[in-house]
Protein backbone atom coordinates (compact mmCIF):
# COMPACT_ATOMS: atom_id res chain seq x y z
CA UNK A 1 137.35 92.35 108.34
CA UNK A 2 134.46 94.66 107.45
CA UNK A 3 131.04 93.44 108.50
CA UNK A 4 128.68 92.95 105.57
CA UNK A 5 125.22 94.46 105.81
CA UNK A 6 122.37 93.96 103.35
CA UNK A 7 120.84 96.82 101.43
CA UNK A 8 117.41 96.85 103.02
CA UNK A 9 114.32 96.59 100.86
CA UNK A 10 112.29 97.96 103.79
CA UNK A 11 114.67 100.45 105.39
CA UNK A 12 111.81 102.56 106.73
CA UNK A 13 110.05 99.66 108.45
CA UNK A 14 110.52 99.34 112.20
CA UNK A 15 109.47 96.62 114.62
CA UNK A 16 105.69 96.24 114.44
CA UNK A 17 103.68 98.27 116.95
CA UNK A 18 102.10 95.07 118.30
CA UNK A 19 105.49 93.70 119.32
CA UNK A 20 106.58 97.03 120.78
CA UNK A 21 103.48 97.55 122.92
CA UNK A 22 103.24 93.94 124.11
CA UNK A 23 106.91 94.03 125.15
CA UNK A 24 106.32 97.34 126.95
CA UNK A 25 103.28 95.89 128.71
CA UNK A 26 105.29 92.89 129.89
CA UNK A 27 108.16 95.08 131.08
CA UNK A 28 105.82 97.21 133.19
CA UNK A 29 103.42 94.41 134.24
CA UNK A 30 100.63 96.33 132.53
CA UNK A 31 97.20 95.05 131.53
CA UNK A 32 97.74 94.23 127.86
CA UNK A 33 94.80 95.41 125.78
CA UNK A 34 97.13 96.19 122.88
CA UNK A 35 97.92 93.08 120.82
CA UNK A 36 94.83 91.22 119.64
CA UNK A 37 94.79 87.95 121.53
CA UNK A 38 92.47 86.55 124.22
CA UNK A 39 93.61 85.90 127.78
CA UNK A 40 91.51 82.73 127.83
CA UNK A 41 92.15 79.42 126.11
CA UNK A 42 90.54 77.69 123.16
CA UNK A 43 87.71 75.14 123.52
CA UNK A 44 88.67 72.09 125.59
CA UNK A 45 87.35 69.72 122.94
CA UNK A 46 89.56 71.32 120.30
CA UNK A 47 92.64 71.06 122.50
CA UNK A 48 91.81 67.40 123.15
CA UNK A 49 91.55 66.59 119.44
CA UNK A 50 94.92 68.21 118.72
CA UNK A 51 96.43 66.30 121.63
CA UNK A 52 94.99 63.08 120.20
CA UNK A 53 96.69 63.58 116.84
CA UNK A 54 99.90 64.75 118.51
CA UNK A 55 100.16 61.44 120.38
CA UNK A 56 98.82 59.11 117.67
CA UNK A 57 101.41 59.41 114.93
CA UNK A 58 100.21 62.47 112.97
CA UNK A 59 103.47 64.38 113.18
CA UNK A 60 104.97 64.23 109.70
CA UNK A 61 104.53 66.53 106.70
CA UNK A 62 100.93 66.98 105.57
CA UNK A 63 100.04 67.81 101.95
CA UNK A 64 101.33 71.18 100.79
CA UNK A 65 97.81 72.62 100.39
CA UNK A 66 96.64 71.33 103.78
CA UNK A 67 95.16 68.09 105.06
CA UNK A 68 92.20 66.89 103.04
CA UNK A 69 89.74 66.70 105.92
CA UNK A 70 90.40 70.31 106.91
CA UNK A 71 90.07 71.65 103.38
CA UNK A 72 86.80 69.75 102.99
CA UNK A 73 85.52 71.14 106.30
CA UNK A 74 86.39 74.67 105.15
CA UNK A 75 84.58 74.09 101.86
CA UNK A 76 81.49 72.93 103.76
CA UNK A 77 81.62 76.00 106.01
CA UNK A 78 81.94 78.39 103.06
CA UNK A 79 78.99 76.71 101.34
CA UNK A 80 76.90 76.88 104.50
CA UNK A 81 77.64 80.52 105.31
CA UNK A 82 78.01 82.10 101.88
CA UNK A 83 76.34 79.72 99.40
CA UNK A 84 79.62 79.33 97.50
CA UNK A 85 80.39 75.84 96.26
CA UNK A 86 84.18 75.71 96.11
CA UNK A 87 86.56 72.83 95.54
CA UNK A 88 88.58 71.63 98.52
CA UNK A 89 91.24 70.43 96.08
CA UNK A 90 91.45 73.42 93.73
CA UNK A 91 90.30 76.46 95.72
CA UNK A 92 91.36 76.11 99.38
CA UNK A 93 94.87 76.37 100.82
CA UNK A 94 95.78 76.12 104.51
CA UNK A 95 98.46 78.63 105.51
CA UNK A 96 100.72 79.49 108.45
CA UNK A 97 98.33 82.13 109.69
CA UNK A 98 96.50 84.83 107.78
CA UNK A 99 99.67 86.88 107.50
CA UNK A 100 101.29 84.25 105.27
CA UNK A 101 98.12 84.04 103.20
CA UNK A 102 98.13 87.80 102.70
CA UNK A 103 101.79 87.71 101.65
CA UNK A 104 101.21 84.93 99.11
CA UNK A 105 98.09 86.57 97.68
CA UNK A 106 99.80 89.93 97.20
CA UNK A 107 102.89 88.29 95.70
CA UNK A 108 100.72 86.24 93.33
CA UNK A 109 99.30 89.23 91.45
CA UNK A 110 101.43 92.33 92.11
CA UNK A 111 104.31 93.06 89.74
CA UNK A 112 106.71 96.03 89.62
CA UNK A 113 104.84 99.26 88.96
CA UNK A 114 101.39 97.86 89.78
CA UNK A 115 99.25 100.03 92.04
CA UNK A 116 97.42 98.59 95.03
CA UNK A 117 94.59 100.45 96.74
CA UNK A 118 94.31 100.03 100.50
CA UNK A 119 92.35 101.87 103.13
CA UNK A 120 93.91 103.73 106.06
CA UNK A 121 94.10 103.06 108.89
CA UNK A 122 95.30 99.78 107.35
CA UNK A 123 96.71 96.64 108.93
CA UNK A 124 100.45 97.05 108.94
CA UNK A 125 101.47 93.99 106.89
CA UNK A 126 99.92 95.14 103.60
CA UNK A 127 102.15 98.04 102.60
CA UNK A 128 105.56 96.36 103.13
CA UNK A 129 104.56 93.27 101.16
CA UNK A 130 103.27 95.38 98.27
CA UNK A 131 106.58 97.24 98.14
CA UNK A 132 108.58 94.00 98.32
CA UNK A 133 106.91 93.02 95.03
CA UNK A 134 107.81 96.38 93.47
CA UNK A 135 104.22 97.53 93.74
CA UNK A 136 103.00 101.02 94.59
CA UNK A 137 100.65 101.30 97.60
CA UNK A 138 97.86 103.84 97.12
CA UNK A 139 96.57 104.77 100.59
CA UNK A 140 93.02 106.11 100.82
CA UNK A 141 91.74 107.33 104.20
CA UNK A 142 88.53 105.99 105.65
CA UNK A 143 86.15 108.71 106.84
CA UNK A 144 86.46 109.08 110.62
CA UNK A 145 84.81 108.66 113.05
CA UNK A 146 82.65 106.02 111.30
CA UNK A 147 85.63 104.84 109.19
CA UNK A 148 83.57 104.27 106.07
CA UNK A 149 84.80 104.16 102.45
CA UNK A 150 84.57 107.30 100.32
CA UNK A 151 83.64 105.66 97.03
CA UNK A 152 84.17 108.82 94.99
CA UNK A 153 87.74 108.83 96.23
CA UNK A 154 88.12 105.17 95.23
CA UNK A 155 86.78 105.84 91.76
CA UNK A 156 89.19 108.73 91.32
CA UNK A 157 92.13 106.61 92.53
CA UNK A 158 91.59 103.74 90.10
CA UNK A 159 93.96 103.98 87.15
CA UNK A 160 95.23 101.78 84.35
CA UNK A 161 97.96 100.64 86.72
CA UNK A 162 95.58 99.56 89.50
CA UNK A 163 96.02 95.82 89.88
CA UNK A 164 94.67 95.05 93.35
CA UNK A 165 92.33 96.39 96.03
CA UNK A 166 92.66 95.10 99.60
CA UNK A 167 89.45 94.92 101.62
CA UNK A 168 89.40 94.35 105.37
CA UNK A 169 85.98 93.76 106.92
CA UNK A 170 85.33 93.58 109.82
CA UNK A 171 88.11 96.14 109.95
CA UNK A 172 91.24 96.07 112.07
CA UNK A 173 92.00 98.46 113.75
CA UNK A 174 88.71 100.41 113.72
CA UNK A 175 86.03 97.71 114.03
CA UNK A 176 83.99 99.17 111.15
CA UNK A 177 82.05 96.83 108.85
CA UNK A 178 81.21 96.95 105.15
CA UNK A 179 77.57 96.50 104.16
CA UNK A 180 75.95 95.10 101.02
CA UNK A 181 75.86 98.54 99.40
CA UNK A 182 79.63 98.81 99.76
CA UNK A 183 80.11 95.48 98.02
CA UNK A 184 77.73 96.38 95.23
CA UNK A 185 79.45 99.72 94.68
CA UNK A 186 82.82 97.99 94.51
CA UNK A 187 81.42 95.52 92.02
CA UNK A 188 80.15 98.28 89.75
CA UNK A 189 83.46 100.20 89.90
CA UNK A 190 85.65 97.30 88.79
CA UNK A 191 83.27 95.27 86.63
CA UNK A 192 85.15 95.97 83.39
CA UNK A 193 88.64 96.37 84.87
CA UNK A 194 91.48 93.83 85.33
CA UNK A 195 91.64 94.37 89.08
CA UNK A 196 92.11 91.62 91.68
CA UNK A 197 90.76 91.68 95.23
CA UNK A 198 92.02 90.45 98.57
CA UNK A 199 89.45 90.05 101.31
CA UNK A 200 91.09 90.10 104.72
CA UNK A 201 88.19 88.49 106.57
CA UNK A 202 89.88 87.09 109.66
CA UNK A 203 87.14 88.54 111.90
CA UNK A 204 84.34 87.21 109.70
CA UNK A 205 82.48 85.64 112.64
CA UNK A 206 82.95 88.57 115.03
CA UNK A 207 80.25 90.96 113.86
CA UNK A 208 77.56 92.57 115.97
CA UNK A 209 74.04 93.94 116.25
CA UNK A 210 72.47 91.50 113.79
CA UNK A 211 74.64 92.49 110.82
CA UNK A 212 75.64 89.85 108.26
CA UNK A 213 79.28 89.55 107.21
CA UNK A 214 79.64 90.65 103.60
CA UNK A 215 82.23 88.15 102.43
CA UNK A 216 83.58 88.36 98.90
CA UNK A 217 82.45 84.74 98.73
CA UNK A 218 78.83 85.96 98.64
CA UNK A 219 79.31 87.79 95.33
CA UNK A 220 80.15 85.56 92.33
CA UNK A 221 81.38 88.45 90.17
CA UNK A 222 83.72 89.56 92.95
CA UNK A 223 84.82 86.09 94.02
CA UNK A 224 86.09 85.20 90.54
CA UNK A 225 88.88 87.79 91.02
CA UNK A 226 89.41 87.34 94.79
CA UNK A 227 91.65 85.81 97.41
CA UNK A 228 89.56 85.45 100.59
CA UNK A 229 91.68 85.08 103.73
CA UNK A 230 90.53 83.91 107.15
CA UNK A 231 92.02 82.73 110.44
CA UNK A 232 91.34 79.87 112.83
CA UNK A 233 93.28 81.70 115.53
CA UNK A 234 90.68 84.46 115.80
CA UNK A 235 87.74 82.06 115.63
CA UNK A 236 88.91 79.51 118.21
CA UNK A 237 90.92 81.75 120.61
CA UNK A 238 94.21 80.09 119.60
CA UNK A 239 96.14 82.88 117.91
CA UNK A 240 99.48 81.27 118.78
CA UNK A 241 98.78 78.30 116.52
CA UNK A 242 99.11 80.55 113.46
CA UNK A 243 96.78 78.61 111.16
CA UNK A 244 94.74 80.39 108.51
CA UNK A 245 93.52 79.69 105.00
CA UNK A 246 92.85 81.23 101.62
CA UNK A 247 89.84 80.55 99.39
CA UNK A 248 90.31 81.57 95.76
CA UNK A 249 89.22 80.43 92.27
CA UNK A 250 91.38 77.66 90.73
CA UNK A 251 93.46 79.94 88.51
CA UNK A 252 94.32 82.21 91.43
CA UNK A 253 94.89 79.30 93.81
CA UNK A 254 97.40 77.77 91.38
CA UNK A 255 99.55 80.90 91.50
CA UNK A 256 98.99 81.31 95.24
CA UNK A 257 100.31 77.79 95.88
CA UNK A 258 103.36 78.35 93.69
CA UNK A 259 104.41 80.95 96.24
CA UNK A 260 103.06 79.23 99.38
CA UNK A 261 105.17 76.12 98.75
CA UNK A 262 108.35 78.19 98.96
CA UNK A 263 107.28 80.36 101.91
CA UNK A 264 106.19 77.75 104.48
CA UNK A 265 105.41 74.75 102.23
CA UNK A 266 102.89 73.44 104.73
CA UNK A 267 101.37 73.83 108.21
CA UNK A 268 101.42 72.01 111.56
CA UNK A 269 99.92 68.55 111.03
CA UNK A 270 98.21 67.60 114.33
CA UNK A 271 96.67 71.07 114.63
CA UNK A 272 95.16 70.77 111.15
CA UNK A 273 93.54 67.43 111.95
CA UNK A 274 92.26 68.71 115.28
CA UNK A 275 90.75 71.79 113.65
CA UNK A 276 89.04 69.62 111.02
CA UNK A 277 87.39 67.46 113.68
CA UNK A 278 86.25 70.43 115.74
CA UNK A 279 84.97 72.39 112.76
CA UNK A 280 82.76 69.49 111.74
CA UNK A 281 81.52 68.56 115.21
CA UNK A 282 81.06 72.08 116.64
CA UNK A 283 79.72 74.41 113.90
CA UNK A 284 77.80 76.14 116.68
CA UNK A 285 81.06 77.73 117.83
CA UNK A 286 81.59 80.02 114.85
CA UNK A 287 77.85 80.66 114.54
CA UNK A 288 77.65 82.01 118.08
CA UNK A 289 81.03 83.75 118.22
CA UNK A 290 79.52 87.13 117.37
CA UNK A 291 77.13 86.88 120.33
CA UNK A 292 79.99 85.85 122.60
CA UNK A 293 82.12 88.85 121.71
CA UNK A 294 79.19 91.27 121.53
CA UNK A 295 78.54 90.53 125.19
CA UNK A 296 82.16 91.40 125.95
CA UNK A 297 81.94 94.57 123.88
CA UNK A 298 78.77 95.62 125.66
CA UNK A 299 80.25 94.86 129.06
CA UNK A 300 83.44 96.81 128.37
CA UNK A 301 81.56 99.79 126.89
CA UNK A 302 79.16 99.72 129.82
CA UNK A 303 82.06 99.90 132.25
CA UNK A 304 83.34 102.95 130.35
CA UNK A 305 79.97 104.71 130.09
CA UNK A 306 80.84 107.22 132.84
CA UNK A 307 84.40 107.79 131.61
CA UNK A 308 85.60 110.90 129.77
CA UNK A 309 86.33 108.96 126.58
CA UNK A 310 84.24 109.45 123.45
CA UNK A 311 83.37 106.28 121.55
CA UNK A 312 80.87 104.40 119.43
CA UNK A 313 80.57 100.68 120.20
CA UNK A 314 82.53 98.61 117.71
CA UNK A 315 80.56 97.06 114.84
CA UNK A 316 82.88 94.06 114.58
CA UNK A 317 86.25 92.51 115.59
CA UNK A 318 87.23 92.38 119.26
CA UNK A 319 88.63 95.91 119.31
CA UNK A 320 87.14 99.11 120.69
CA UNK A 321 88.36 102.58 119.72
CA UNK A 322 88.42 105.26 122.41
CA UNK A 323 88.91 108.97 121.65
CA UNK A 324 90.78 110.67 124.48
CA UNK A 325 90.63 114.24 123.10
CA UNK A 326 88.75 115.55 126.16
CA UNK A 327 91.37 114.01 128.47
CA UNK A 328 94.73 114.86 126.90
CA UNK A 329 96.26 116.66 123.92
CA UNK A 330 99.27 114.37 123.71
CA UNK A 331 100.29 112.48 120.56
CA UNK A 332 98.66 109.04 120.59
CA UNK A 333 101.95 107.12 120.27
CA UNK A 334 103.51 108.97 123.17
CA UNK A 335 100.34 108.71 125.23
CA UNK A 336 99.98 104.96 124.66
CA UNK A 337 103.56 104.44 125.84
CA UNK A 338 103.12 106.72 128.86
CA UNK A 339 99.88 105.10 130.00
CA UNK A 340 101.50 101.68 129.71
CA UNK A 341 104.46 102.78 131.82
CA UNK A 342 102.66 104.98 134.34
CA UNK A 343 99.11 103.62 134.57
CA UNK A 344 99.73 99.97 133.76
CA UNK A 345 97.40 99.68 130.76
CA UNK A 346 98.59 99.03 127.18
CA UNK A 347 96.76 99.98 123.99
CA UNK A 348 97.54 100.57 120.33
CA UNK A 349 97.79 104.12 118.87
CA UNK A 350 95.70 104.24 115.69
CA UNK A 351 97.84 106.83 113.89
CA UNK A 352 100.55 104.23 113.19
CA UNK A 353 98.17 102.55 110.71
CA UNK A 354 98.15 105.58 108.43
CA UNK A 355 100.61 106.35 105.66
CA UNK A 356 103.37 108.57 107.07
CA UNK A 357 101.49 108.56 110.37
CA UNK A 358 99.02 111.17 109.13
CA UNK A 359 95.77 110.37 110.92
CA UNK A 360 92.59 112.35 111.48
CA UNK A 361 91.82 112.43 114.32
CA UNK A 362 95.11 111.76 116.15
CA UNK A 363 93.58 111.12 119.55
CA UNK A 364 92.34 107.56 119.18
CA UNK A 365 93.59 104.40 120.89
CA UNK A 366 92.58 100.80 120.16
CA UNK A 367 91.78 98.47 123.05
CA UNK A 368 91.28 94.70 122.77
CA UNK A 369 88.28 93.39 124.72
CA UNK A 370 88.94 89.68 124.07
CA UNK A 371 89.65 89.32 127.75
CA UNK A 372 88.14 87.80 130.87
CA UNK A 373 85.63 90.04 132.64
CA UNK A 374 88.01 90.54 135.56
CA UNK A 375 90.66 91.89 133.18
CA UNK A 376 88.16 94.27 131.57
CA UNK A 377 87.03 95.46 134.99
CA UNK A 378 90.59 96.27 136.10
CA UNK A 379 91.24 98.05 132.79
CA UNK A 380 88.01 100.08 133.02
CA UNK A 381 88.82 101.14 136.57
CA UNK A 382 92.07 102.67 135.33
CA UNK A 383 90.46 104.32 132.30
CA UNK A 384 87.56 105.75 134.30
CA UNK A 385 89.99 107.32 136.73
CA UNK A 386 91.37 109.61 134.01
């Protein structure tokens, strides 16, 4: 009997680079600075609160939108940080990680033929989800090496079919950060246009050198058309829990939840309650997270100061780009694989985040510095030997 095979909607999509490089690192016992997760655990008090709920009967389905105490804690945090008074009941939805939230937000507003503007190098989940909805991704390159937005290019790209713009700040993979002028320019460009926004803000608390995170929540005229996505995994060093959330005006949240209920329906119950307790009792954690990771950035960059790499310290996230153009002329994908196999250090090639792999420059690797100092020291020793 002939084996049936589906007609793929994403025939050109391969296994994500994060999975590929982490698997390669494990196979070769390499230091894994590729996939973005810490090699240290979350706060002990947070783990204890989750354990409490796990062993005290909080193991059945929670409400579809998320447990009430967590949504209220998120609303309080948004009000405190961004002066936005939002409804825990009508504007906040807890999701199975930020990736699910991004999927639901894109699916909520993109219809066949709609154009979506995104900025390359762009996080790899955006484009496939847009195409699954029948949308048309419009890739605009950020200006290397600062990876800033060319607003003239954005203005030229906006058409009558533009339905959505995806913003990612602090930016993965480059670590660049939007400022207030960027937000104001965006606001002026779309003021009279029926364009929605998604703010991928999962690194909202990991921003350096005294800069303030420019959340869409800060700008009422932008927020009214926005889905703002964040992640507890990045904030509390627990990426494996896969818990995120989306903040959006009531009309957008209604459509978002129509999709969310049929994607995951709801999210791990004891983890939600534990997060709610910790968020309320330890607001100092997210307020000092930028300082915590800036010290790691500075330490890692200091270790690399005498290396042959060219780099500018990251402005946000826990990723550092290194340009190896004075060391090798090899393609970044091939080089990342070879260094993992031969040198025992894994990274992410930045060119894979560009449409059709067309990147400028093509000699940049991304390294995660959310690691213990000993790990960073071993990694820097290898990199400085090149």
